[in-house]
Amino acid sequence: MSIGTIPVSSFMIRDIKAEQEDQSVLAACKVMHENNIGSVIIVKKDYQNNIKPVGIITERDVVRMLGSLNPILLHVPLKDIMTKPVITVSVNCSIKDAIHIMQQKKHS
């Protein structure tokens, strides 16, 4: 098998953790800590009350924020600091294609 034929579904995590976009950075940090993970998907409800991913916050985002030495930022809503838009691929997308997309979008 090559990375051109292996689908991302073989490696993806299905039990993702999410927070609403109006929650604080501190709330996202708590989720990351409690679940031993490095990122949280940020979601919001659309006009039909469906939940939609709109961004992501990572440990790296939090470290950069703390590096500014402004602790008030921990209470900023996630929507103000999340990385957006979320780049997604189909579960049938190959690992090779997913890597190519990440490189194009500078997410490698």
N, C-alpha and C. Protein backbone atom coordinates (compact mmCIF):
# COMPACT_ATOMS: atom_id res chain seq x y z
N MET A 1 0.84 -1.20 0.00
CA MET A 1 0.00 0.00 0.00
C MET A 1 0.88 1.25 0.00
N SER A 2 0.41 2.26 -0.68
CA SER A 2 1.14 3.53 -0.69
C SER A 2 0.24 4.61 -0.12
N ILE A 3 0.85 5.75 0.22
CA ILE A 3 0.05 6.83 0.78
C ILE A 3 -0.96 7.38 -0.23
N GLY A 4 -0.78 7.03 -1.49
CA GLY A 4 -1.73 7.45 -2.51
C GLY A 4 -3.02 6.63 -2.49
N THR A 5 -3.00 5.50 -1.80
CA THR A 5 -4.19 4.65 -1.76
C THR A 5 -4.79 4.51 -0.36
N ILE A 6 -4.06 4.89 0.67
CA ILE A 6 -4.57 4.77 2.05
C ILE A 6 -5.49 5.94 2.35
N PRO A 7 -6.76 5.68 2.73
CA PRO A 7 -7.67 6.79 3.04
C PRO A 7 -7.37 7.40 4.40
N VAL A 8 -7.66 8.69 4.54
CA VAL A 8 -7.44 9.36 5.83
C VAL A 8 -8.27 8.72 6.94
N SER A 9 -9.36 8.05 6.58
CA SER A 9 -10.20 7.39 7.59
C SER A 9 -9.44 6.32 8.35
N SER A 10 -8.33 5.83 7.78
CA SER A 10 -7.51 4.83 8.47
C SER A 10 -6.75 5.43 9.65
N PHE A 11 -6.56 6.74 9.64
CA PHE A 11 -5.75 7.40 10.67
C PHE A 11 -6.50 8.46 11.47
N MET A 12 -7.64 8.88 11.00
CA MET A 12 -8.31 10.01 11.65
C MET A 12 -8.88 9.63 13.01
N ILE A 13 -9.00 10.63 13.84
CA ILE A 13 -9.60 10.46 15.15
C ILE A 13 -11.08 10.78 15.01
N ARG A 14 -11.91 9.87 15.44
CA ARG A 14 -13.36 10.05 15.28
C ARG A 14 -13.99 10.73 16.49
N ASP A 15 -13.36 10.61 17.65
CA ASP A 15 -13.91 11.18 18.87
C ASP A 15 -13.27 12.55 19.12
N ILE A 16 -13.63 13.52 18.30
CA ILE A 16 -13.04 14.86 18.44
C ILE A 16 -13.71 15.58 19.60
N LYS A 17 -13.02 16.57 20.11
CA LYS A 17 -13.56 17.41 21.17
C LYS A 17 -13.81 18.79 20.59
N ALA A 18 -14.90 19.40 20.99
CA ALA A 18 -15.28 20.69 20.43
C ALA A 18 -15.76 21.62 21.52
N GLU A 19 -15.69 22.90 21.23
CA GLU A 19 -16.21 23.95 22.10
C GLU A 19 -16.96 24.95 21.24
N GLN A 20 -17.96 25.59 21.83
CA GLN A 20 -18.70 26.64 21.14
C GLN A 20 -17.79 27.85 20.96
N GLU A 21 -18.00 28.59 19.89
CA GLU A 21 -17.14 29.72 19.56
C GLU A 21 -17.19 30.86 20.58
N ASP A 22 -18.21 30.89 21.42
CA ASP A 22 -18.29 31.96 22.42
C ASP A 22 -17.64 31.58 23.75
N GLN A 23 -17.12 30.35 23.85
CA GLN A 23 -16.41 29.93 25.05
C GLN A 23 -15.03 30.58 25.10
N SER A 24 -14.42 30.57 26.28
CA SER A 24 -13.11 31.22 26.45
C SER A 24 -11.97 30.27 26.09
N VAL A 25 -10.81 30.85 25.91
CA VAL A 25 -9.60 30.07 25.68
C VAL A 25 -9.36 29.13 26.86
N LEU A 26 -9.64 29.62 28.05
CA LEU A 26 -9.46 28.79 29.24
C LEU A 26 -10.31 27.53 29.16
N ALA A 27 -11.54 27.64 28.65
CA ALA A 27 -12.41 26.47 28.50
C ALA A 27 -11.80 25.47 27.53
N ALA A 28 -11.24 25.95 26.42
CA ALA A 28 -10.61 25.06 25.45
C ALA A 28 -9.37 24.40 26.05
N CYS A 29 -8.60 25.16 26.83
CA CYS A 29 -7.42 24.60 27.50
C CYS A 29 -7.82 23.48 28.45
N LYS A 30 -8.91 23.67 29.15
CA LYS A 30 -9.39 22.64 30.09
C LYS A 30 -9.76 21.36 29.33
N VAL A 31 -10.43 21.50 28.20
CA VAL A 31 -10.79 20.34 27.38
C VAL A 31 -9.54 19.62 26.89
N MET A 32 -8.54 20.39 26.42
CA MET A 32 -7.30 19.77 25.95
C MET A 32 -6.59 19.03 27.09
N HIS A 33 -6.54 19.66 28.25
CA HIS A 33 -5.87 19.04 29.40
C HIS A 33 -6.59 17.76 29.84
N GLU A 34 -7.90 17.84 30.00
CA GLU A 34 -8.67 16.69 30.50
C GLU A 34 -8.66 15.51 29.53
N ASN A 35 -8.46 15.78 28.25
CA ASN A 35 -8.50 14.72 27.24
C ASN A 35 -7.13 14.39 26.65
N ASN A 36 -6.09 15.05 27.19
CA ASN A 36 -4.72 14.83 26.73
C ASN A 36 -4.61 14.96 25.20
N ILE A 37 -5.13 16.07 24.70
CA ILE A 37 -5.12 16.33 23.26
C ILE A 37 -4.49 17.70 22.99
N GLY A 38 -4.15 17.97 21.75
CA GLY A 38 -3.46 19.20 21.40
C GLY A 38 -4.28 20.22 20.65
N SER A 39 -5.56 19.91 20.40
CA SER A 39 -6.39 20.88 19.69
C SER A 39 -7.87 20.62 19.97
N VAL A 40 -8.65 21.66 19.76
CA VAL A 40 -10.10 21.59 19.94
C VAL A 40 -10.74 22.25 18.72
N ILE A 41 -11.74 21.57 18.17
CA ILE A 41 -12.50 22.13 17.05
C ILE A 41 -13.50 23.14 17.62
N ILE A 42 -13.61 24.29 16.97
CA ILE A 42 -14.55 25.32 17.40
C ILE A 42 -15.78 25.23 16.51
N VAL A 43 -16.95 25.21 17.15
CA VAL A 43 -18.20 25.03 16.42
C VAL A 43 -19.19 26.15 16.74
N LYS A 44 -20.16 26.28 15.83
CA LYS A 44 -21.28 27.19 16.09
C LYS A 44 -22.52 26.58 15.48
N LYS A 45 -23.67 27.01 15.98
CA LYS A 45 -24.94 26.54 15.45
C LYS A 45 -25.38 27.45 14.31
N ASP A 46 -25.90 26.83 13.24
CA ASP A 46 -26.42 27.65 12.14
C ASP A 46 -27.88 27.99 12.41
N TYR A 47 -28.51 28.62 11.47
CA TYR A 47 -29.89 29.08 11.65
C TYR A 47 -30.88 27.94 11.86
N GLN A 48 -30.50 26.71 11.48
CA GLN A 48 -31.36 25.54 11.69
C GLN A 48 -30.94 24.74 12.91
N ASN A 49 -30.06 25.32 13.72
CA ASN A 49 -29.56 24.69 14.94
C ASN A 49 -28.64 23.50 14.69
N ASN A 50 -28.10 23.39 13.47
CA ASN A 50 -27.10 22.37 13.17
C ASN A 50 -25.74 22.87 13.62
N ILE A 51 -24.93 21.97 14.15
CA ILE A 51 -23.59 22.35 14.61
C ILE A 51 -22.63 22.24 13.43
N LYS A 52 -21.84 23.30 13.24
CA LYS A 52 -20.92 23.39 12.10
C LYS A 52 -19.53 23.77 12.61
N PRO A 53 -18.47 23.06 12.17
CA PRO A 53 -17.12 23.46 12.56
C PRO A 53 -16.74 24.76 11.86
N VAL A 54 -16.19 25.71 12.64
CA VAL A 54 -15.84 27.01 12.07
C VAL A 54 -14.37 27.38 12.30
N GLY A 55 -13.68 26.63 13.14
CA GLY A 55 -12.30 26.96 13.43
C GLY A 55 -11.65 25.89 14.29
N ILE A 56 -10.41 26.17 14.67
CA ILE A 56 -9.66 25.25 15.52
C ILE A 56 -8.73 26.09 16.40
N ILE A 57 -8.50 25.62 17.61
CA ILE A 57 -7.50 26.22 18.48
C ILE A 57 -6.55 25.11 18.89
N THR A 58 -5.26 25.41 18.86
CA THR A 58 -4.24 24.41 19.16
C THR A 58 -3.40 24.85 20.35
N GLU A 59 -2.63 23.89 20.87
CA GLU A 59 -1.68 24.22 21.95
C GLU A 59 -0.76 25.35 21.50
N ARG A 60 -0.35 25.31 20.27
CA ARG A 60 0.56 26.33 19.74
C ARG A 60 -0.09 27.72 19.79
N ASP A 61 -1.39 27.79 19.47
CA ASP A 61 -2.11 29.07 19.56
C ASP A 61 -2.08 29.61 20.99
N VAL A 62 -2.30 28.71 21.94
CA VAL A 62 -2.33 29.11 23.35
C VAL A 62 -0.95 29.57 23.82
N VAL A 63 0.09 28.84 23.42
CA VAL A 63 1.46 29.22 23.81
C VAL A 63 1.79 30.60 23.27
N ARG A 64 1.44 30.85 22.02
CA ARG A 64 1.71 32.17 21.45
C ARG A 64 0.97 33.27 22.21
N MET A 65 -0.25 32.99 22.62
CA MET A 65 -1.03 33.96 23.37
C MET A 65 -0.40 34.22 24.73
N LEU A 66 0.00 33.16 25.42
CA LEU A 66 0.62 33.32 26.73
C LEU A 66 1.96 34.03 26.63
N GLY A 67 2.63 33.83 25.51
CA GLY A 67 3.91 34.49 25.29
C GLY A 67 3.79 36.00 25.25
N SER A 68 2.60 36.50 24.98
CA SER A 68 2.39 37.95 24.97
C SER A 68 2.29 38.52 26.38
N LEU A 69 2.27 37.62 27.38
CA LEU A 69 2.22 38.00 28.79
C LEU A 69 1.01 38.85 29.14
N ASN A 70 -0.11 38.57 28.50
CA ASN A 70 -1.36 39.27 28.77
C ASN A 70 -2.40 38.25 29.20
N PRO A 71 -2.48 37.92 30.51
CA PRO A 71 -3.36 36.85 30.99
C PRO A 71 -4.85 37.10 30.72
N ILE A 72 -5.24 38.34 30.47
CA ILE A 72 -6.66 38.63 30.18
C ILE A 72 -7.09 37.91 28.91
N LEU A 73 -6.13 37.59 28.03
CA LEU A 73 -6.46 36.91 26.77
C LEU A 73 -7.05 35.52 26.99
N LEU A 74 -6.82 34.92 28.16
CA LEU A 74 -7.40 33.61 28.44
C LEU A 74 -8.92 33.66 28.49
N HIS A 75 -9.47 34.84 28.64
CA HIS A 75 -10.92 34.99 28.73
C HIS A 75 -11.54 35.51 27.44
N VAL A 76 -10.74 35.67 26.41
CA VAL A 76 -11.22 36.11 25.10
C VAL A 76 -12.05 34.99 24.48
N PRO A 77 -13.15 35.29 23.81
CA PRO A 77 -13.92 34.24 23.13
C PRO A 77 -13.08 33.55 22.06
N LEU A 78 -13.27 32.27 21.92
CA LEU A 78 -12.50 31.48 20.96
C LEU A 78 -12.65 32.00 19.54
N LYS A 79 -13.82 32.53 19.20
CA LYS A 79 -14.04 33.02 17.84
C LYS A 79 -13.08 34.15 17.48
N ASP A 80 -12.55 34.84 18.49
CA ASP A 80 -11.63 35.95 18.23
C ASP A 80 -10.20 35.51 17.96
N ILE A 81 -9.85 34.27 18.32
CA ILE A 81 -8.46 33.83 18.14
C ILE A 81 -8.30 32.53 17.36
N MET A 82 -9.40 31.85 17.07
CA MET A 82 -9.30 30.56 16.40
C MET A 82 -8.73 30.70 14.99
N THR A 83 -8.14 29.64 14.51
CA THR A 83 -7.68 29.58 13.13
C THR A 83 -8.89 29.21 12.29
N LYS A 84 -9.13 29.99 11.26
CA LYS A 84 -10.27 29.73 10.40
C LYS A 84 -9.93 30.07 8.97
N PRO A 85 -10.57 29.50 8.02
CA PRO A 85 -11.59 28.45 8.14
C PRO A 85 -10.93 27.09 8.42
N VAL A 86 -11.74 26.14 8.85
CA VAL A 86 -11.27 24.78 9.05
C VAL A 86 -11.16 24.14 7.67
N ILE A 87 -10.02 23.54 7.40
CA ILE A 87 -9.82 22.84 6.13
C ILE A 87 -10.20 21.38 6.35
N THR A 88 -11.12 20.87 5.55
CA THR A 88 -11.58 19.49 5.71
C THR A 88 -11.36 18.72 4.42
N VAL A 89 -11.33 17.40 4.58
CA VAL A 89 -11.27 16.51 3.43
C VAL A 89 -12.26 15.37 3.66
N SER A 90 -12.63 14.71 2.61
CA SER A 90 -13.50 13.54 2.69
C SER A 90 -12.78 12.41 3.40
N VAL A 91 -13.52 11.53 4.07
CA VAL A 91 -12.91 10.37 4.72
C VAL A 91 -12.26 9.45 3.70
N ASN A 92 -12.66 9.55 2.44
CA ASN A 92 -12.10 8.72 1.38
C ASN A 92 -10.87 9.34 0.73
N CYS A 93 -10.53 10.56 1.10
CA CYS A 93 -9.36 11.24 0.57
C CYS A 93 -8.12 10.45 0.96
N SER A 94 -7.15 10.34 0.06
CA SER A 94 -5.93 9.61 0.39
C SER A 94 -5.03 10.45 1.28
N ILE A 95 -4.16 9.78 2.00
CA ILE A 95 -3.17 10.47 2.85
C ILE A 95 -2.34 11.41 1.97
N LYS A 96 -1.93 10.94 0.82
CA LYS A 96 -1.12 11.74 -0.10
C LYS A 96 -1.85 13.02 -0.49
N ASP A 97 -3.14 12.91 -0.83
CA ASP A 97 -3.91 14.09 -1.21
C ASP A 97 -4.10 15.04 -0.02
N ALA A 98 -4.30 14.48 1.18
CA ALA A 98 -4.46 15.30 2.38
C ALA A 98 -3.17 16.08 2.67
N ILE A 99 -2.03 15.43 2.52
CA ILE A 99 -0.74 16.11 2.72
C ILE A 99 -0.59 17.24 1.71
N HIS A 100 -0.95 16.96 0.47
CA HIS A 100 -0.86 17.98 -0.58
C HIS A 100 -1.74 19.19 -0.25
N ILE A 101 -2.95 18.95 0.23
CA ILE A 101 -3.86 20.03 0.60
C ILE A 101 -3.28 20.83 1.76
N MET A 102 -2.73 20.15 2.76
CA MET A 102 -2.14 20.86 3.90
C MET A 102 -0.97 21.72 3.45
N GLN A 103 -0.16 21.22 2.54
CA GLN A 103 0.96 21.99 2.04
C GLN A 103 0.49 23.21 1.26
N GLN A 104 -0.54 23.04 0.46
CA GLN A 104 -1.10 24.17 -0.30
C GLN A 104 -1.65 25.23 0.63
N LYS A 105 -2.29 24.81 1.70
CA LYS A 105 -2.91 25.74 2.65
C LYS A 105 -1.96 26.17 3.75
N LYS A 106 -0.70 25.70 3.68
CA LYS A 106 0.35 26.03 4.66
C LYS A 106 0.00 25.54 6.06
N HIS A 107 -0.56 24.33 6.17
CA HIS A 107 -0.89 23.73 7.46
C HIS A 107 0.01 22.54 7.78
N SER A 108 1.13 22.46 7.14
CA SER A 108 2.01 21.31 7.38
C SER A 108 2.89 21.55 8.58
